[in-house]
């Protein structure tokens, strides 16, 4: 989300969370020096917005950009794949980085084959024949040897032995539709989970038998009449690294939720995730090793606190997975205009110290127990619909404060200010912004500019001095999805939360 914290408040962040190539903090280095990836911290792999990027499971030693195979630790190209056959939209890497599988087209290209290369030799070692009516949106490599391919038409999954280049067996499922992100295999290759209609089913791969279904989350836990979410709204589904749990992103019009199940299929966590509707990004989900938490489309979620503790800005419409290397290092294209793949470090010890410090109000400029003032400016306009908008926007901001243990009161040291800037050559309708100010200083310590999709109707209505309910609701909905700063410390030894990687 477009949000920045001023440098004066994040002196320690500059050495802890910016691209790892700039790490020079002794304290941070002490946390990271045991990682086998630290020598590659200054890696920079050219990859513009058109680049085709493939990353593997946690710890995979290579990343593929177009046809070049980069070895992360040595920071160099170790193999270049031939231009033919085509490398299509659906791809996967084995955990050890030896095998690379790719469908030869997109969703619209039916009947193409799945081709597999040995990345050590560069040779094409296996070809899974396509079916004329289907594409293959899901592929998983198990045991660094067996490839599972799933056609979008479902019904029959294929397992292929990559060493012997032969079909070993088929698995029958009870669905005629499989989409990317809706099928996964446990790391030990024992279980398969997939979306079948409105449920998530679990099978044992050895015999193809059904082991059960995962519990469905409640659509709205606060509603009087409760119903469940259908599994067809799942964007991504992944087993944990130890295979004992499973997680999924459920997505609807105005909210995304991270659902985590235990080994018996019961829900352990149900966590809202702040991904604005209309962002166009894939809601890519990755587990962090050692049970630290999850990454959901650049949002780093800390398991114990259930909070988004870091936000990694990514190019708009980015659909490439963030590669998790170990508990500290992740790899990907970061920043709104990124044209290289870089590595970023997550300083977990400092994050957890800050989460603990946040519990004491005396440590907080912003944090639980803090009171904030509120200003809602409407360019000086007035009228019934304007006042209604003012009230609803103010209520939405106050609700956000309550979510993080803060409250509204007049004449406080910190103020949340909603403001509508006038039209300009660059922004013909103007811009709507929410800013956090301290001690009457007009220079924000945090600021969010509302997206055109949610604010243009509102801005146009304000220019005409008449707002309708839909325009007001659209802006209030984006406020409800905002990730506001929930901890800004008074002392520099703590980190502001969530951390932001530009």
Foldseek 3Di string as FASTA:
>chain_A
DPKFFDCVQAVVCVQAWAQVVNHDDPVNCVLPVVDPQSQLSFAWFFFFPPWDWADAAAAAQWIDTQQFIAGRNVNDTPAGADPPPAAEDAKYAASPRQKIWGFRYDFVQAFTWIWMAGRNVNDTQEIGGTDRVWTWRDWDDAPNFWIWTATQQAQKIWIAGRVVHGTDDIAGDQAGGFHHQFWEAARNRQWIWGAHWQWIWIAGPVVNHTPGTADFDWPDPPDPDIDGGGPVQWLHKYAANVNQKIWTWGDDQQWIWIWIAGNVRYTDDTATAQDGHPLLERQDWHAAPPRQAIATQQFGAGVVVRDRQEGFAAAGNDHYHWHHHHNFKIWDQTDNRGRIIRITTDSVVQSVVQVVVLVDCVFFPFAAPEEEEEEEDLPPADDDQVVVLSVLLVVLLQVVQVVGNYHYDPDGQKYWYWDFAPADPVRRLTWIKIFIDGRPDPDGSMMDIDDCVLAVLVSVCSVVSHHDPSNSVSVSSSSNSDDDFRGRTPDNSHRTGNHYHD
